[in-house]
Amino acid sequence: MTMFTGLVSQKGQVVIPATIRKALGLEKGTKVSFEINNDEVTIKKLPTALDWSNLMKQIPIEEVEFDKNGHYDPKKSPNFHDWMVNG
């Protein structure tokens, strides 16, 4: 673990060291969250719409055909069947 130090300004602002900004991909306008645990603070980069979009592209797509009674063939749609059975 590498430790960095900062200084709190009169306005209560702290500059995040450049090494941390680069490692987390923090740029002007990037949203972060703060979590307090006793005397420690964790800073996390919040995902952007682009991050979510890229994540969604990784989800496989499977067409599921239903008959007139609302049944499907689990052999033709194994991922859907697994999701329906196991959640």
N, C-alpha and C. Protein backbone atom coordinates (compact mmCIF):
# COMPACT_ATOMS: atom_id res chain seq x y z
N MET A 1 0.84 -1.18 0.00
CA MET A 1 0.00 0.00 0.00
C MET A 1 0.89 1.24 0.00
N THR A 2 0.55 2.20 -0.84
CA THR A 2 1.28 3.46 -0.91
C THR A 2 0.45 4.52 -0.21
N MET A 3 1.10 5.34 0.61
CA MET A 3 0.39 6.38 1.35
C MET A 3 0.73 7.75 0.77
N PHE A 4 -0.29 8.58 0.65
CA PHE A 4 -0.12 9.94 0.18
C PHE A 4 -0.67 10.87 1.24
N THR A 5 -0.16 12.09 1.27
CA THR A 5 -0.68 13.07 2.21
C THR A 5 -1.25 14.25 1.45
N GLY A 6 -2.15 14.95 2.11
CA GLY A 6 -2.75 16.15 1.54
C GLY A 6 -2.92 17.17 2.64
N LEU A 7 -3.42 18.32 2.26
CA LEU A 7 -3.61 19.41 3.20
C LEU A 7 -5.01 19.96 3.00
N VAL A 8 -5.73 20.13 4.09
CA VAL A 8 -7.08 20.68 4.02
C VAL A 8 -6.97 22.20 3.96
N SER A 9 -7.63 22.80 2.96
CA SER A 9 -7.57 24.26 2.80
C SER A 9 -8.54 24.94 3.77
N GLN A 10 -8.51 26.24 3.78
CA GLN A 10 -9.40 27.02 4.63
C GLN A 10 -10.86 26.76 4.28
N LYS A 11 -11.14 26.42 3.02
CA LYS A 11 -12.50 26.13 2.57
C LYS A 11 -12.88 24.66 2.78
N GLY A 12 -11.98 23.85 3.38
CA GLY A 12 -12.27 22.44 3.61
C GLY A 12 -12.00 21.56 2.41
N GLN A 13 -11.25 22.06 1.45
CA GLN A 13 -10.95 21.30 0.24
C GLN A 13 -9.61 20.59 0.37
N VAL A 14 -9.53 19.41 -0.26
CA VAL A 14 -8.29 18.65 -0.28
C VAL A 14 -7.98 18.32 -1.74
N VAL A 15 -6.75 18.52 -2.15
CA VAL A 15 -6.33 18.17 -3.50
C VAL A 15 -5.97 16.69 -3.50
N ILE A 16 -6.58 15.93 -4.43
CA ILE A 16 -6.24 14.52 -4.57
C ILE A 16 -4.94 14.44 -5.36
N PRO A 17 -3.92 13.79 -4.81
CA PRO A 17 -2.62 13.72 -5.50
C PRO A 17 -2.76 13.19 -6.93
N ALA A 18 -1.93 13.70 -7.82
CA ALA A 18 -1.98 13.36 -9.24
C ALA A 18 -1.87 11.86 -9.47
N THR A 19 -1.04 11.17 -8.70
CA THR A 19 -0.87 9.72 -8.84
C THR A 19 -2.20 9.00 -8.63
N ILE A 20 -2.96 9.43 -7.64
CA ILE A 20 -4.26 8.82 -7.35
C ILE A 20 -5.26 9.18 -8.45
N ARG A 21 -5.26 10.44 -8.88
CA ARG A 21 -6.18 10.86 -9.95
C ARG A 21 -5.95 10.04 -11.22
N LYS A 22 -4.69 9.83 -11.56
CA LYS A 22 -4.36 9.05 -12.76
C LYS A 22 -4.76 7.59 -12.57
N ALA A 23 -4.50 7.03 -11.41
CA ALA A 23 -4.81 5.61 -11.16
C ALA A 23 -6.31 5.35 -11.23
N LEU A 24 -7.13 6.31 -10.77
CA LEU A 24 -8.58 6.15 -10.77
C LEU A 24 -9.24 6.73 -12.01
N GLY A 25 -8.46 7.40 -12.84
CA GLY A 25 -9.03 8.04 -14.03
C GLY A 25 -9.91 9.22 -13.68
N LEU A 26 -9.54 9.96 -12.64
CA LEU A 26 -10.32 11.11 -12.20
C LEU A 26 -9.95 12.34 -13.02
N GLU A 27 -10.97 12.95 -13.60
CA GLU A 27 -10.79 14.19 -14.36
C GLU A 27 -11.75 15.23 -13.82
N LYS A 28 -11.64 16.44 -14.29
CA LYS A 28 -12.54 17.50 -13.87
C LYS A 28 -13.99 17.05 -14.09
N GLY A 29 -14.80 17.15 -13.06
CA GLY A 29 -16.21 16.79 -13.17
C GLY A 29 -16.52 15.33 -12.81
N THR A 30 -15.49 14.51 -12.60
CA THR A 30 -15.72 13.12 -12.22
C THR A 30 -16.35 13.08 -10.83
N LYS A 31 -17.41 12.27 -10.69
CA LYS A 31 -18.06 12.15 -9.39
C LYS A 31 -17.41 11.03 -8.59
N VAL A 32 -17.25 11.29 -7.29
CA VAL A 32 -16.67 10.31 -6.38
C VAL A 32 -17.58 10.17 -5.16
N SER A 33 -17.44 9.05 -4.48
CA SER A 33 -18.17 8.86 -3.23
C SER A 33 -17.17 8.78 -2.09
N PHE A 34 -17.62 9.14 -0.90
CA PHE A 34 -16.78 9.09 0.29
C PHE A 34 -17.45 8.17 1.30
N GLU A 35 -16.68 7.26 1.87
CA GLU A 35 -17.19 6.36 2.89
C GLU A 35 -16.34 6.54 4.15
N ILE A 36 -17.00 6.75 5.26
CA ILE A 36 -16.30 6.96 6.53
C ILE A 36 -16.40 5.70 7.37
N ASN A 37 -15.27 5.23 7.86
CA ASN A 37 -15.22 4.09 8.78
C ASN A 37 -14.26 4.45 9.90
N ASN A 38 -14.84 4.84 11.03
CA ASN A 38 -14.07 5.33 12.18
C ASN A 38 -13.25 6.55 11.75
N ASP A 39 -11.92 6.44 11.76
CA ASP A 39 -11.09 7.60 11.39
C ASP A 39 -10.50 7.46 9.99
N GLU A 40 -11.07 6.57 9.16
CA GLU A 40 -10.59 6.38 7.79
C GLU A 40 -11.67 6.77 6.79
N VAL A 41 -11.24 7.35 5.68
CA VAL A 41 -12.14 7.74 4.61
C VAL A 41 -11.70 7.02 3.33
N THR A 42 -12.66 6.40 2.65
CA THR A 42 -12.40 5.74 1.38
C THR A 42 -13.06 6.58 0.28
N ILE A 43 -12.31 6.85 -0.79
CA ILE A 43 -12.83 7.59 -1.93
C ILE A 43 -12.94 6.62 -3.09
N LYS A 44 -14.13 6.59 -3.73
CA LYS A 44 -14.35 5.72 -4.87
C LYS A 44 -14.89 6.53 -6.05
N LYS A 45 -14.41 6.20 -7.23
CA LYS A 45 -14.92 6.82 -8.45
C LYS A 45 -16.28 6.21 -8.75
N LEU A 46 -17.28 7.05 -8.99
CA LEU A 46 -18.60 6.56 -9.33
C LEU A 46 -18.66 6.26 -10.83
N PRO A 47 -19.34 5.19 -11.20
CA PRO A 47 -19.42 4.85 -12.62
C PRO A 47 -20.21 5.90 -13.41
N THR A 48 -19.77 6.12 -14.63
CA THR A 48 -20.44 7.07 -15.52
C THR A 48 -21.44 6.32 -16.39
N ALA A 49 -22.23 7.05 -17.15
CA ALA A 49 -23.16 6.42 -18.09
C ALA A 49 -22.40 5.58 -19.10
N LEU A 50 -21.22 6.03 -19.52
CA LEU A 50 -20.40 5.27 -20.47
C LEU A 50 -19.92 3.97 -19.83
N ASP A 51 -19.54 4.02 -18.54
CA ASP A 51 -19.13 2.81 -17.84
C ASP A 51 -20.26 1.79 -17.85
N TRP A 52 -21.48 2.25 -17.54
CA TRP A 52 -22.65 1.35 -17.52
C TRP A 52 -22.93 0.81 -18.92
N SER A 53 -22.80 1.67 -19.92
CA SER A 53 -23.04 1.25 -21.31
C SER A 53 -22.07 0.14 -21.71
N ASN A 54 -20.80 0.32 -21.37
CA ASN A 54 -19.80 -0.69 -21.69
C ASN A 54 -20.06 -2.00 -20.94
N LEU A 55 -20.53 -1.90 -19.72
CA LEU A 55 -20.87 -3.08 -18.94
C LEU A 55 -22.04 -3.83 -19.58
N MET A 56 -23.04 -3.08 -20.02
CA MET A 56 -24.21 -3.70 -20.64
C MET A 56 -23.86 -4.44 -21.93
N LYS A 57 -22.85 -3.95 -22.65
CA LYS A 57 -22.43 -4.60 -23.89
C LYS A 57 -21.87 -6.00 -23.64
N GLN A 58 -21.42 -6.25 -22.41
CA GLN A 58 -20.83 -7.54 -22.08
C GLN A 58 -21.88 -8.59 -21.73
N ILE A 59 -23.12 -8.17 -21.52
CA ILE A 59 -24.18 -9.10 -21.15
C ILE A 59 -24.66 -9.83 -22.41
N PRO A 60 -24.66 -11.16 -22.37
CA PRO A 60 -25.08 -11.90 -23.56
C PRO A 60 -26.57 -11.71 -23.85
N ILE A 61 -26.89 -11.74 -25.13
CA ILE A 61 -28.28 -11.61 -25.55
C ILE A 61 -28.75 -12.97 -26.05
N GLU A 62 -29.92 -13.38 -25.60
CA GLU A 62 -30.46 -14.66 -26.02
C GLU A 62 -31.94 -14.47 -26.35
N GLU A 63 -32.31 -14.82 -27.57
CA GLU A 63 -33.72 -14.73 -27.96
C GLU A 63 -34.46 -15.91 -27.38
N VAL A 64 -35.62 -15.63 -26.81
CA VAL A 64 -36.45 -16.67 -26.21
C VAL A 64 -37.80 -16.64 -26.91
N GLU A 65 -38.19 -17.78 -27.45
CA GLU A 65 -39.48 -17.88 -28.12
C GLU A 65 -40.47 -18.57 -27.18
N PHE A 66 -41.65 -17.97 -27.06
CA PHE A 66 -42.71 -18.53 -26.23
C PHE A 66 -43.84 -19.01 -27.14
N ASP A 67 -44.44 -20.13 -26.76
CA ASP A 67 -45.60 -20.59 -27.52
C ASP A 67 -46.86 -19.88 -27.04
N LYS A 68 -48.00 -20.22 -27.60
CA LYS A 68 -49.24 -19.52 -27.25
C LYS A 68 -49.65 -19.72 -25.80
N ASN A 69 -49.07 -20.73 -25.13
CA ASN A 69 -49.37 -20.98 -23.72
C ASN A 69 -48.34 -20.35 -22.78
N GLY A 70 -47.37 -19.62 -23.35
CA GLY A 70 -46.35 -18.96 -22.53
C GLY A 70 -45.20 -19.87 -22.15
N HIS A 71 -45.03 -21.00 -22.82
CA HIS A 71 -43.94 -21.93 -22.54
C HIS A 71 -42.79 -21.70 -23.52
N TYR A 72 -41.62 -22.06 -23.10
CA TYR A 72 -40.42 -21.93 -23.94
C TYR A 72 -39.67 -23.26 -23.93
N ASP A 73 -38.78 -23.45 -24.89
CA ASP A 73 -37.97 -24.66 -24.96
C ASP A 73 -36.63 -24.40 -24.27
N PRO A 74 -36.38 -25.03 -23.10
CA PRO A 74 -35.13 -24.78 -22.36
C PRO A 74 -33.88 -25.17 -23.15
N LYS A 75 -34.01 -26.08 -24.11
CA LYS A 75 -32.85 -26.48 -24.92
C LYS A 75 -32.47 -25.38 -25.89
N LYS A 76 -33.45 -24.61 -26.37
CA LYS A 76 -33.18 -23.51 -27.30
C LYS A 76 -32.73 -22.25 -26.57
N SER A 77 -33.06 -22.17 -25.29
CA SER A 77 -32.74 -20.97 -24.50
C SER A 77 -32.14 -21.37 -23.15
N PRO A 78 -30.94 -21.98 -23.15
CA PRO A 78 -30.37 -22.49 -21.90
C PRO A 78 -30.05 -21.40 -20.87
N ASN A 79 -29.59 -20.24 -21.32
CA ASN A 79 -29.26 -19.18 -20.36
C ASN A 79 -30.52 -18.64 -19.70
N PHE A 80 -31.57 -18.46 -20.48
CA PHE A 80 -32.84 -17.98 -19.94
C PHE A 80 -33.40 -19.01 -18.95
N HIS A 81 -33.31 -20.27 -19.32
CA HIS A 81 -33.81 -21.33 -18.43
C HIS A 81 -33.04 -21.33 -17.11
N ASP A 82 -31.73 -21.22 -17.19
CA ASP A 82 -30.91 -21.17 -15.97
C ASP A 82 -31.29 -19.98 -15.10
N TRP A 83 -31.54 -18.83 -15.74
CA TRP A 83 -31.93 -17.63 -15.00
C TRP A 83 -33.29 -17.84 -14.34
N MET A 84 -34.22 -18.47 -15.07
CA MET A 84 -35.57 -18.70 -14.52
C MET A 84 -35.52 -19.69 -13.35
N VAL A 85 -34.66 -20.70 -13.44
CA VAL A 85 -34.59 -21.73 -12.41
C VAL A 85 -33.75 -21.28 -11.21
N ASN A 86 -32.61 -20.66 -11.47
CA ASN A 86 -31.66 -20.33 -10.40
C ASN A 86 -31.65 -18.87 -9.99
N GLY A 87 -32.27 -18.03 -10.81
CA GLY A 87 -32.33 -16.61 -10.47
C GLY A 87 -31.12 -15.83 -10.84
